[in-house]
């Protein structure tokens, strides 16, 4: 079943379905750009990081498509310093976009992706107010995984650029994989204890450096992804709006959970588009374990 038909069958709000379809239609455009818009640009994003040419190009593609469609009022992307308000918007939706997560891996041909959060209004709200989320993964296959609160569903793009249902109602299984960010020498004591416990239980390390690809693996195989707070970085490295909340929404809807280590990340209200956060995302067992260790540590 094609994505558009599936959205109708699920009774998805028509305006929300149109927005999901718009992102699906841009997937082929962005994938084609891998062959041309490569290398580093001469600019930095809101986090002070050098932008890749493809990051900027993908960002422009998605912003232009959203502006032209007028399907959303607010757009926040990892590559823009300010929230964009669309003139003449026909809906009140807000979207957050990481246009090309893991883009530094393109030159070595590893999986990267686009991450999108969907809000009923302004985007500077907790993740638990989201009406949906989706990500597009550009790997051996190009897949689109989405949720609007009625399950997590995965589609694969065919040669015609259309997405066809691959798996309905994804649920995160029990598994013993862990994907740990940050240097071990910089681990805080409670996180070090947590990782050592996972290793003592036989968890295997799998980490590509592409957040969206690593969480996709955890969603399918079970276990946990973490990029914690670490020495000198109490707020961690990853972005609350562009990485944490959308992928947390996805995993939570699939029966997993996401945490800052102290509580549900989806309860955190952002203060700015540049907010960072510690992230633990995966199975409920692993999330309960880290929260228990943090609570016991008194930190």
Protein backbone atom coordinates (compact mmCIF):
# COMPACT_ATOMS: atom_id res chain seq x y z
CA UNK A 1 0.00 0.00 0.00
CA UNK A 2 1.33 3.44 -0.91
CA UNK A 3 1.89 6.08 1.76
CA UNK A 4 -0.92 8.37 0.65
CA UNK A 5 -3.45 5.53 0.69
CA UNK A 6 -2.18 4.32 4.06
CA UNK A 7 -2.59 7.77 5.59
CA UNK A 8 -6.19 7.86 4.39
CA UNK A 9 -6.89 4.36 5.68
CA UNK A 10 -5.57 5.34 9.10
CA UNK A 11 -7.91 8.33 9.18
CA UNK A 12 -5.02 10.81 9.39
CA UNK A 13 -6.03 14.44 9.58
CA UNK A 14 -6.03 15.64 5.96
CA UNK A 15 -3.80 18.66 6.63
CA UNK A 16 -1.30 16.55 8.55
CA UNK A 17 -1.33 13.92 5.78
CA UNK A 18 -0.55 16.61 3.20
CA UNK A 19 2.44 17.70 5.26
CA UNK A 20 3.79 14.15 5.56
CA UNK A 21 3.37 13.65 1.83
CA UNK A 22 5.27 16.89 1.14
CA UNK A 23 8.29 15.56 3.04
CA UNK A 24 8.05 12.22 1.26
CA UNK A 25 8.13 14.00 -2.10
CA UNK A 26 11.35 15.83 -1.19
CA UNK A 27 13.20 12.60 -0.31
CA UNK A 28 14.11 11.82 -3.90
CA UNK A 29 15.25 15.40 -4.52
CA UNK A 30 17.59 15.31 -1.53
CA UNK A 31 18.97 11.88 -2.41
CA UNK A 32 19.85 13.07 -5.91
CA UNK A 33 21.78 15.94 -4.37
CA UNK A 34 24.30 13.55 -2.82
CA UNK A 35 26.11 13.41 -6.14
CA UNK A 36 26.52 17.16 -6.53
CA UNK A 37 26.38 19.28 -3.36
CA UNK A 38 29.40 17.90 -1.50
CA UNK A 39 32.21 19.35 0.60
CA UNK A 40 32.23 22.10 3.23
CA UNK A 41 30.58 25.51 2.94
CA UNK A 42 32.10 28.78 4.15
CA UNK A 43 29.43 29.26 6.82
CA UNK A 44 28.54 28.03 10.30
CA UNK A 45 25.19 27.02 11.77
CA UNK A 46 23.60 28.26 15.00
CA UNK A 47 25.82 25.88 16.98
CA UNK A 48 29.03 27.36 15.52
CA UNK A 49 29.72 24.26 13.43
CA UNK A 50 31.00 24.42 9.86
CA UNK A 51 28.13 23.62 7.54
CA UNK A 52 28.47 21.02 4.82
CA UNK A 53 27.37 22.17 1.37
CA UNK A 54 24.79 19.40 1.31
CA UNK A 55 23.39 20.44 4.72
CA UNK A 56 22.74 23.94 3.39
CA UNK A 57 21.34 22.68 0.13
CA UNK A 58 18.96 20.19 1.79
CA UNK A 59 17.89 22.91 4.20
CA UNK A 60 17.03 25.24 1.32
CA UNK A 61 15.13 22.50 -0.53
CA UNK A 62 12.90 21.76 2.46
CA UNK A 63 12.33 25.38 3.47
CA UNK A 64 11.46 26.38 -0.11
CA UNK A 65 8.99 23.49 -0.42
CA UNK A 66 7.31 24.39 2.87
CA UNK A 67 7.11 28.08 2.01
CA UNK A 68 5.62 27.35 -1.38
CA UNK A 69 3.06 24.93 0.06
CA UNK A 70 2.11 27.24 2.96
CA UNK A 71 1.22 24.08 4.91
CA UNK A 72 3.00 25.28 8.06
CA UNK A 73 3.27 28.58 9.90
CA UNK A 74 6.55 28.00 11.73
CA UNK A 75 9.77 26.36 10.54
CA UNK A 76 12.82 25.74 12.71
CA UNK A 77 15.84 23.97 11.25
CA UNK A 78 19.26 23.06 12.58
CA UNK A 79 20.86 25.25 9.92
CA UNK A 80 18.93 28.45 10.67
CA UNK A 81 19.57 30.80 13.64
CA UNK A 82 15.93 31.91 13.91
CA UNK A 83 12.47 30.41 13.59
CA UNK A 84 10.93 31.21 10.21
CA UNK A 85 7.31 32.35 10.09
CA UNK A 86 5.63 31.63 6.75
CA UNK A 87 3.53 34.46 5.34
CA UNK A 88 0.02 33.46 4.31
CA UNK A 89 0.21 30.04 5.98
CA UNK A 90 -3.03 28.08 5.61
CA UNK A 91 -2.35 25.92 8.72
CA UNK A 92 -0.96 26.60 12.19
CA UNK A 93 1.52 23.69 12.17
CA UNK A 94 5.09 24.13 13.31
CA UNK A 95 7.91 21.88 12.12
CA UNK A 96 11.44 21.21 13.32
CA UNK A 97 13.92 19.82 10.82
CA UNK A 98 17.38 18.34 10.88
CA UNK A 99 17.78 18.42 7.09
CA UNK A 100 20.64 15.94 6.92
CA UNK A 101 21.64 14.27 10.15
CA UNK A 102 25.02 12.53 9.91
CA UNK A 103 26.06 14.44 6.79
CA UNK A 104 29.77 14.13 7.65
CA UNK A 105 29.41 10.42 6.80
CA UNK A 106 28.26 10.94 3.22
CA UNK A 107 31.78 10.88 1.81
CA UNK A 108 32.31 7.40 3.27
CA UNK A 109 28.89 6.18 2.07
CA UNK A 110 27.25 5.54 5.44
CA UNK A 111 23.56 6.05 6.19
CA UNK A 112 22.28 9.57 6.91
CA UNK A 113 18.80 10.96 7.29
CA UNK A 114 16.27 13.77 7.59
CA UNK A 115 14.49 14.17 10.96
CA UNK A 116 11.19 16.06 11.29
CA UNK A 117 9.06 17.00 14.29
CA UNK A 118 5.43 18.02 13.75
CA UNK A 119 3.69 20.40 16.17
CA UNK A 120 0.10 21.71 16.26
CA UNK A 121 1.47 25.24 16.65
CA UNK A 122 4.69 26.95 17.71
CA UNK A 123 7.72 24.68 18.06
CA UNK A 124 9.10 25.98 21.38
CA UNK A 125 6.90 23.56 23.27
CA UNK A 126 7.56 20.21 24.99
CA UNK A 127 7.82 17.17 22.75
CA UNK A 128 4.73 15.66 24.35
CA UNK A 129 2.64 18.27 22.50
CA UNK A 130 3.78 16.99 19.09
CA UNK A 131 1.17 15.66 16.68
CA UNK A 132 3.70 13.50 14.88
CA UNK A 133 7.25 12.89 13.77
CA UNK A 134 9.02 11.28 10.85
CA UNK A 135 12.46 10.48 9.57
CA UNK A 136 13.78 9.58 6.15
CA UNK A 137 16.81 7.30 6.12
CA UNK A 138 19.09 7.28 3.08
CA UNK A 139 20.85 3.91 3.20
CA UNK A 140 20.92 0.88 0.88
CA UNK A 141 17.18 1.59 0.76
CA UNK A 142 15.51 4.95 1.21
CA UNK A 143 12.90 4.53 3.93
CA UNK A 144 10.38 6.82 5.59
CA UNK A 145 9.19 6.06 9.12
CA UNK A 146 6.45 8.13 10.71
CA UNK A 147 4.04 8.33 13.61
CA UNK A 148 0.97 10.48 14.23
CA UNK A 149 0.13 8.77 17.51
CA UNK A 150 -1.52 5.71 15.96
CA UNK A 151 1.51 3.46 15.69
CA UNK A 152 4.89 3.69 13.99
CA UNK A 153 4.95 2.73 10.32
CA UNK A 154 7.81 2.22 7.87
CA UNK A 155 7.78 2.71 4.10
CA UNK A 156 10.35 2.10 1.36
CA UNK A 157 10.87 4.26 -1.72
CA UNK A 158 10.60 2.56 -5.09
CA UNK A 159 12.19 3.49 -8.41
CA UNK A 160 9.23 5.77 -9.12
CA UNK A 161 9.94 7.82 -6.00
CA UNK A 162 6.80 6.63 -4.22
CA UNK A 163 6.81 5.11 -0.75
CA UNK A 164 5.20 1.71 -0.19
CA UNK A 165 4.40 0.13 3.17
CA UNK A 166 7.17 -2.12 4.45
CA UNK A 167 6.16 -2.62 8.09
CA UNK A 168 3.10 -1.50 10.03
CA UNK A 169 2.96 -0.94 13.80
CA UNK A 170 6.66 -1.21 14.57
CA UNK A 171 7.42 -2.02 18.20
CA UNK A 172 10.86 -1.88 19.75
CA UNK A 173 11.95 -5.41 20.74
CA UNK A 174 14.07 -6.48 23.67
CA UNK A 175 17.69 -6.47 22.58
CA UNK A 176 21.23 -6.09 23.82
CA UNK A 177 22.73 -3.39 21.62
CA UNK A 178 24.06 -0.10 22.91
CA UNK A 179 25.22 2.90 20.91
CA UNK A 180 27.24 5.23 23.18
CA UNK A 181 28.32 8.75 22.26
CA UNK A 182 31.04 10.82 24.00
CA UNK A 183 34.55 9.77 25.00
CA UNK A 184 34.80 7.16 27.75
CA UNK A 185 37.39 9.28 29.57
CA UNK A 186 34.78 12.05 29.87
CA UNK A 187 31.96 9.89 31.28
CA UNK A 188 30.38 11.17 34.47
CA UNK A 189 30.36 8.60 37.31
CA UNK A 190 26.69 7.63 37.04
CA UNK A 191 26.95 7.18 33.27
CA UNK A 192 30.11 5.11 33.63
CA UNK A 193 28.27 2.84 36.08
CA UNK A 194 25.38 2.51 33.64
CA UNK A 195 27.59 1.58 30.67
CA UNK A 196 29.58 -0.90 32.76
CA UNK A 197 26.34 -2.59 33.84
CA UNK A 198 25.16 -2.90 30.23
CA UNK A 199 28.52 -4.38 29.24
CA UNK A 200 28.42 -6.83 32.16
CA UNK A 201 25.05 -8.02 30.84
CA UNK A 202 26.49 -8.70 27.39
CA UNK A 203 25.32 -5.64 25.46
CA UNK A 204 27.18 -5.21 22.17
CA UNK A 205 28.43 -1.83 20.99
CA UNK A 206 27.07 -0.55 17.67
CA UNK A 207 27.72 3.13 16.83
CA UNK A 208 27.97 4.69 13.38
CA UNK A 209 28.05 8.38 14.28
CA UNK A 210 24.75 9.07 12.51
CA UNK A 211 22.13 9.64 15.22
CA UNK A 212 19.16 8.86 13.00
CA UNK A 213 20.75 5.66 11.68
CA UNK A 214 21.78 4.50 15.15
CA UNK A 215 18.31 5.10 16.62
CA UNK A 216 16.77 3.37 13.60
CA UNK A 217 18.89 0.33 14.48
CA UNK A 218 17.75 0.42 18.12
CA UNK A 219 14.13 0.78 17.03
CA UNK A 220 14.45 -2.42 15.02
CA UNK A 221 16.86 -4.43 17.18
CA UNK A 222 16.27 -3.17 20.72
CA UNK A 223 18.68 -1.78 23.28
CA UNK A 224 19.67 1.83 23.77
CA UNK A 225 21.29 4.85 22.16
CA UNK A 226 22.86 7.44 24.43
CA UNK A 227 24.71 10.69 24.08
CA UNK A 228 24.94 11.76 27.72
CA UNK A 229 26.05 14.77 29.67
CA UNK A 230 29.81 14.49 30.01
CA UNK A 231 32.77 16.33 31.51
CA UNK A 232 32.57 19.96 30.46
CA UNK A 233 29.19 19.50 28.74
CA UNK A 234 26.40 19.30 31.29
CA UNK A 235 23.84 19.70 28.51
CA UNK A 236 25.32 16.99 26.30
CA UNK A 237 25.86 17.43 22.58
CA UNK A 238 22.66 16.58 20.73
CA UNK A 239 19.88 19.04 19.92
CA UNK A 240 16.62 18.92 21.83
CA UNK A 241 14.36 20.20 19.04
CA UNK A 242 16.00 18.68 16.00
CA UNK A 243 17.16 15.28 17.25
CA UNK A 244 15.87 14.49 20.73
CA UNK A 245 12.16 15.19 20.61
CA UNK A 246 11.31 13.84 17.12
CA UNK A 247 13.20 10.57 17.54
CA UNK A 248 12.01 10.32 21.14
CA UNK A 249 8.42 10.65 19.94
CA UNK A 250 9.05 7.88 17.42
CA UNK A 251 10.60 5.43 19.87
CA UNK A 252 8.05 6.20 22.58
CA UNK A 253 5.17 5.51 20.20
CA UNK A 254 6.87 2.19 19.38
CA UNK A 255 6.78 1.12 23.03
CA UNK A 256 10.15 2.50 24.10
CA UNK A 257 11.11 5.65 25.99
CA UNK A 258 13.46 8.63 25.98
CA UNK A 259 15.08 10.33 28.95
CA UNK A 260 17.53 13.01 29.93
CA UNK A 261 18.73 10.56 32.57
CA UNK A 262 16.52 12.29 35.12
CA UNK A 263 13.13 12.11 33.45
CA UNK A 264 11.13 12.01 30.24
CA UNK A 265 12.81 14.20 27.61
CA UNK A 266 9.43 14.80 25.97
CA UNK A 267 8.39 16.79 29.06
CA UNK A 268 11.23 19.31 28.59
CA UNK A 269 10.13 22.74 27.35
CA UNK A 270 12.77 24.28 25.07
CA UNK A 271 13.91 27.84 25.66
CA UNK A 272 15.64 28.38 22.31
CA UNK A 273 16.19 26.57 19.02
CA UNK A 274 19.80 25.97 20.04
CA UNK A 275 19.00 23.98 23.22
CA UNK A 276 21.03 20.81 23.73
CA UNK A 277 20.16 17.86 25.94
CA UNK A 278 21.56 14.61 27.30
CA UNK A 279 19.80 11.72 25.56
CA UNK A 280 19.00 8.14 26.51
CA UNK A 281 16.58 6.54 24.05
CA UNK A 282 15.55 2.93 23.57
CA UNK A 283 13.83 0.18 25.52
CA UNK A 284 11.90 0.97 28.70
CA UNK A 285 14.10 -1.39 30.72
CA UNK A 286 17.27 0.50 29.79
CA UNK A 287 15.65 3.88 30.44
CA UNK A 288 14.42 2.75 33.87
CA UNK A 289 17.94 1.53 34.67
CA UNK A 290 19.70 4.82 33.92
CA UNK A 291 17.08 6.86 35.78
CA UNK A 292 17.46 4.55 38.78
CA UNK A 293 21.26 4.91 38.73
CA UNK A 294 21.06 8.72 38.41
CA UNK A 295 18.55 8.91 41.27
CA UNK A 296 20.73 6.66 43.43
CA UNK A 297 23.79 8.77 42.73
CA UNK A 298 22.16 11.89 44.12
CA UNK A 299 23.41 14.02 41.20
